[in-house]
Amino acid sequence: MSESESVSANGQSGPRTPEELLAHLDGLELGYELHRHPPLFTVEDSKALRGELSGGHCKNLFLRDRKGKMWLVVTLEDRPVDLKQLGATLGGARLSFGSPDRLMTHLGVIPGAVSPYALFNDVGRDVTVVLDKEMLTFDPLNYHPLSNEMTIAVSPDSLVAFLRNLGYEPEILDLAALA
């Protein structure tokens, strides 16, 4: 098996499926509301098609530094993010966006389907997760569950419980103060 492959819960190689993720959430008894929709690739797509879907709407930035360290920064969709300032806050890293190949290798998703739930595929726990402090004041929060043809609405507590269940302790930053 190559570095870019993982083994799913059912023993198949490759990224885990949205159905496996939803079954995992059900097993943890972390409530969510599932919404199906046409594929969404950008924040603008999401804004155009969301209708009356309430709660916090988010964007997810898959970032890396020159040494290969990776971060998933999850923030409110309209939050400006200064990568230079964020890099300094995260320890002096010069940040850039991870490539689609790196995204698939480590999180098992395509651009447009990135969310904290993609960490379900990070079997090596190679990605550090950063959550926007203000984002966690919204309930529910809306994310793609490994597919940009679905959105799940979850409570902030359920999101953090999911991450901790996977072995992550999310770094919570006041990204508004960095803007």
Protein backbone atom coordinates (compact mmCIF):
# COMPACT_ATOMS: atom_id res chain seq x y z
CA MET A 1 0.00 0.00 0.00
CA SER A 2 1.41 3.41 -0.94
CA GLU A 3 1.72 6.37 1.42
CA SER A 4 -1.30 7.97 -0.25
CA GLU A 5 -3.63 5.11 0.64
CA SER A 6 -5.32 4.37 3.92
CA VAL A 7 -7.38 1.44 5.06
CA SER A 8 -11.01 2.18 5.76
CA ALA A 9 -13.03 0.70 8.58
CA ASN A 10 -14.33 -1.98 6.22
CA GLY A 11 -10.80 -3.03 5.24
CA GLN A 12 -10.79 -1.40 1.79
CA SER A 13 -7.86 0.73 0.75
CA GLY A 14 -8.48 4.38 -0.05
CA PRO A 15 -10.25 7.19 1.73
CA ARG A 16 -13.22 6.44 3.93
CA THR A 17 -16.64 7.25 2.54
CA PRO A 18 -19.26 9.73 3.71
CA GLU A 19 -21.40 6.75 4.74
CA GLU A 20 -18.59 5.45 6.98
CA LEU A 21 -18.21 8.89 8.53
CA LEU A 22 -21.94 9.21 9.22
CA ALA A 23 -21.98 5.70 10.74
CA HIS A 24 -19.04 6.74 12.95
CA LEU A 25 -20.92 9.86 14.10
CA ASP A 26 -24.01 7.73 14.78
CA GLY A 27 -21.88 5.33 16.84
CA LEU A 28 -20.57 8.23 18.90
CA GLU A 29 -24.15 9.46 19.29
CA LEU A 30 -23.12 12.87 17.98
CA GLY A 31 -26.25 14.36 16.52
CA TYR A 32 -26.30 16.04 13.14
CA GLU A 33 -28.79 17.12 10.53
CA LEU A 34 -27.99 15.97 6.99
CA HIS A 35 -28.74 18.13 3.93
CA ARG A 36 -28.18 16.87 0.36
CA HIS A 37 -27.57 19.37 -2.47
CA PRO A 38 -25.79 19.82 -5.81
CA PRO A 39 -21.97 19.83 -5.58
CA LEU A 40 -20.54 22.99 -3.99
CA PHE A 41 -16.94 23.95 -4.68
CA THR A 42 -16.61 27.45 -3.23
CA VAL A 43 -18.00 29.67 -0.50
CA GLU A 44 -19.81 31.57 -3.27
CA ASP A 45 -21.48 28.33 -4.47
CA SER A 46 -22.57 27.62 -0.92
CA LYS A 47 -24.00 31.10 -0.40
CA ALA A 48 -25.97 30.86 -3.64
CA LEU A 49 -27.58 27.49 -2.86
CA ARG A 50 -27.96 27.34 0.92
CA GLY A 51 -31.36 28.96 1.12
CA GLU A 52 -32.49 29.22 4.72
CA LEU A 53 -29.87 26.86 6.19
CA SER A 54 -29.20 28.45 9.57
CA GLY A 55 -26.08 28.56 11.68
CA GLY A 56 -22.42 29.25 11.11
CA HIS A 57 -21.12 28.71 7.60
CA CYS A 58 -17.44 27.98 7.36
CA LYS A 59 -14.44 27.77 5.10
CA ASN A 60 -11.60 25.33 5.52
CA LEU A 61 -8.01 26.17 4.63
CA PHE A 62 -5.63 23.25 4.09
CA LEU A 63 -2.19 24.77 4.61
CA ARG A 64 1.41 23.63 4.69
CA ASP A 65 4.81 25.09 5.34
CA ARG A 66 8.07 24.52 3.45
CA LYS A 67 9.04 21.69 5.80
CA GLY A 68 5.82 19.80 5.02
CA LYS A 69 3.97 20.45 8.28
CA MET A 70 0.23 20.73 7.62
CA TRP A 71 -2.71 22.56 9.19
CA LEU A 72 -6.44 22.58 8.65
CA VAL A 73 -7.72 26.03 9.62
CA VAL A 74 -11.49 26.16 10.04
CA THR A 75 -13.08 29.59 10.23
CA LEU A 76 -16.19 31.56 9.44
CA GLU A 77 -16.72 31.81 5.69
CA ASP A 78 -16.24 35.58 5.46
CA ARG A 79 -13.22 35.79 7.77
CA PRO A 80 -10.17 37.28 6.04
CA VAL A 81 -7.07 35.26 6.89
CA ASP A 82 -3.59 36.78 6.60
CA LEU A 83 -1.36 33.74 5.98
CA LYS A 84 1.81 35.62 6.98
CA GLN A 85 0.35 36.66 10.34
CA LEU A 86 -1.23 33.23 10.89
CA GLY A 87 2.11 31.57 10.13
CA ALA A 88 3.83 33.76 12.71
CA THR A 89 1.17 32.82 15.27
CA LEU A 90 1.60 29.12 14.49
CA GLY A 91 5.34 29.21 15.17
CA GLY A 92 6.94 31.17 12.39
CA ALA A 93 5.84 28.96 9.53
CA ARG A 94 5.67 30.40 6.00
CA LEU A 95 2.28 29.05 4.95
CA SER A 96 0.89 28.18 1.55
CA PHE A 97 -2.09 26.18 0.38
CA GLY A 98 -1.66 22.43 0.14
CA SER A 99 -1.98 20.94 -3.33
CA PRO A 100 -4.98 18.85 -4.40
CA ASP A 101 -2.71 15.77 -4.40
CA ARG A 102 -1.56 16.45 -0.83
CA LEU A 103 -5.17 17.08 0.16
CA MET A 104 -6.25 13.71 -1.24
CA THR A 105 -3.24 11.93 0.26
CA HIS A 106 -3.77 13.21 3.79
CA LEU A 107 -7.49 14.04 4.06
CA GLY A 108 -9.00 11.88 1.33
CA VAL A 109 -11.11 14.64 -0.21
CA ILE A 110 -11.15 16.85 -3.28
CA PRO A 111 -11.01 20.65 -3.21
CA GLY A 112 -14.47 21.87 -2.29
CA ALA A 113 -15.12 18.98 0.11
CA VAL A 114 -12.60 20.00 2.79
CA SER A 115 -13.94 20.20 6.33
CA PRO A 116 -12.87 19.15 9.83
CA TYR A 117 -14.65 15.87 9.12
CA ALA A 118 -11.98 15.07 6.51
CA LEU A 119 -9.64 14.47 9.47
CA PHE A 120 -11.45 11.11 9.67
CA ASN A 121 -9.10 10.12 6.82
CA ASP A 122 -5.91 11.46 8.43
CA VAL A 123 -4.82 8.04 9.68
CA GLY A 124 -1.29 9.27 10.46
CA ARG A 125 -2.63 12.29 12.38
CA ASP A 126 -0.29 14.43 10.27
CA VAL A 127 -2.53 17.51 10.16
CA THR A 128 -2.90 20.01 12.99
CA VAL A 129 -6.41 21.42 13.37
CA VAL A 130 -7.03 25.09 14.17
CA LEU A 131 -10.55 26.33 14.94
CA ASP A 132 -11.73 29.93 14.85
CA LYS A 133 -12.84 30.92 18.37
CA GLU A 134 -15.76 33.04 17.11
CA MET A 135 -16.98 30.23 14.83
CA LEU A 136 -17.60 28.10 17.93
CA THR A 137 -20.23 30.60 19.13
CA PHE A 138 -22.57 29.56 16.28
CA ASP A 139 -24.97 26.65 16.67
CA PRO A 140 -25.29 24.80 14.45
CA LEU A 141 -22.11 24.79 12.37
CA ASN A 142 -22.30 23.52 8.79
CA TYR A 143 -19.67 21.30 7.11
CA HIS A 144 -19.34 18.84 4.26
CA PRO A 145 -19.09 15.21 5.49
CA LEU A 146 -16.37 14.10 2.97
CA SER A 147 -18.59 15.04 0.03
CA ASN A 148 -19.43 18.44 -1.38
CA GLU A 149 -22.89 17.09 -2.25
CA MET A 150 -23.91 17.02 1.43
CA THR A 151 -23.77 19.30 4.44
CA ILE A 152 -24.17 18.31 8.06
CA ALA A 153 -25.30 20.77 10.70
CA VAL A 154 -23.66 20.04 14.07
CA SER A 155 -23.26 21.70 17.43
CA PRO A 156 -19.85 23.13 18.33
CA ASP A 157 -19.66 20.59 21.18
CA SER A 158 -20.27 17.71 18.75
CA LEU A 159 -17.55 19.00 16.44
CA VAL A 160 -14.99 19.18 19.26
CA ALA A 161 -16.09 15.77 20.63
CA PHE A 162 -15.59 14.25 17.15
CA LEU A 163 -12.09 15.72 16.89
CA ARG A 164 -11.11 14.57 20.38
CA ASN A 165 -12.46 11.08 19.63
CA LEU A 166 -10.01 10.94 16.71
CA GLY A 167 -7.14 11.99 18.99
CA TYR A 168 -6.96 15.68 18.09
CA GLU A 169 -6.88 18.52 20.56
CA PRO A 170 -7.88 21.44 18.35
CA GLU A 171 -6.02 24.69 18.73
CA ILE A 172 -8.63 27.41 19.20
CA LEU A 173 -7.45 30.82 17.97
CA ASP A 174 -9.05 34.24 17.91
CA LEU A 175 -8.71 34.62 14.14
CA ALA A 176 -10.65 37.90 14.24
CA ALA A 177 -7.75 39.41 16.17
CA LEU A 178 -5.34 38.32 13.42
CA ALA A 179 -7.38 39.79 10.57
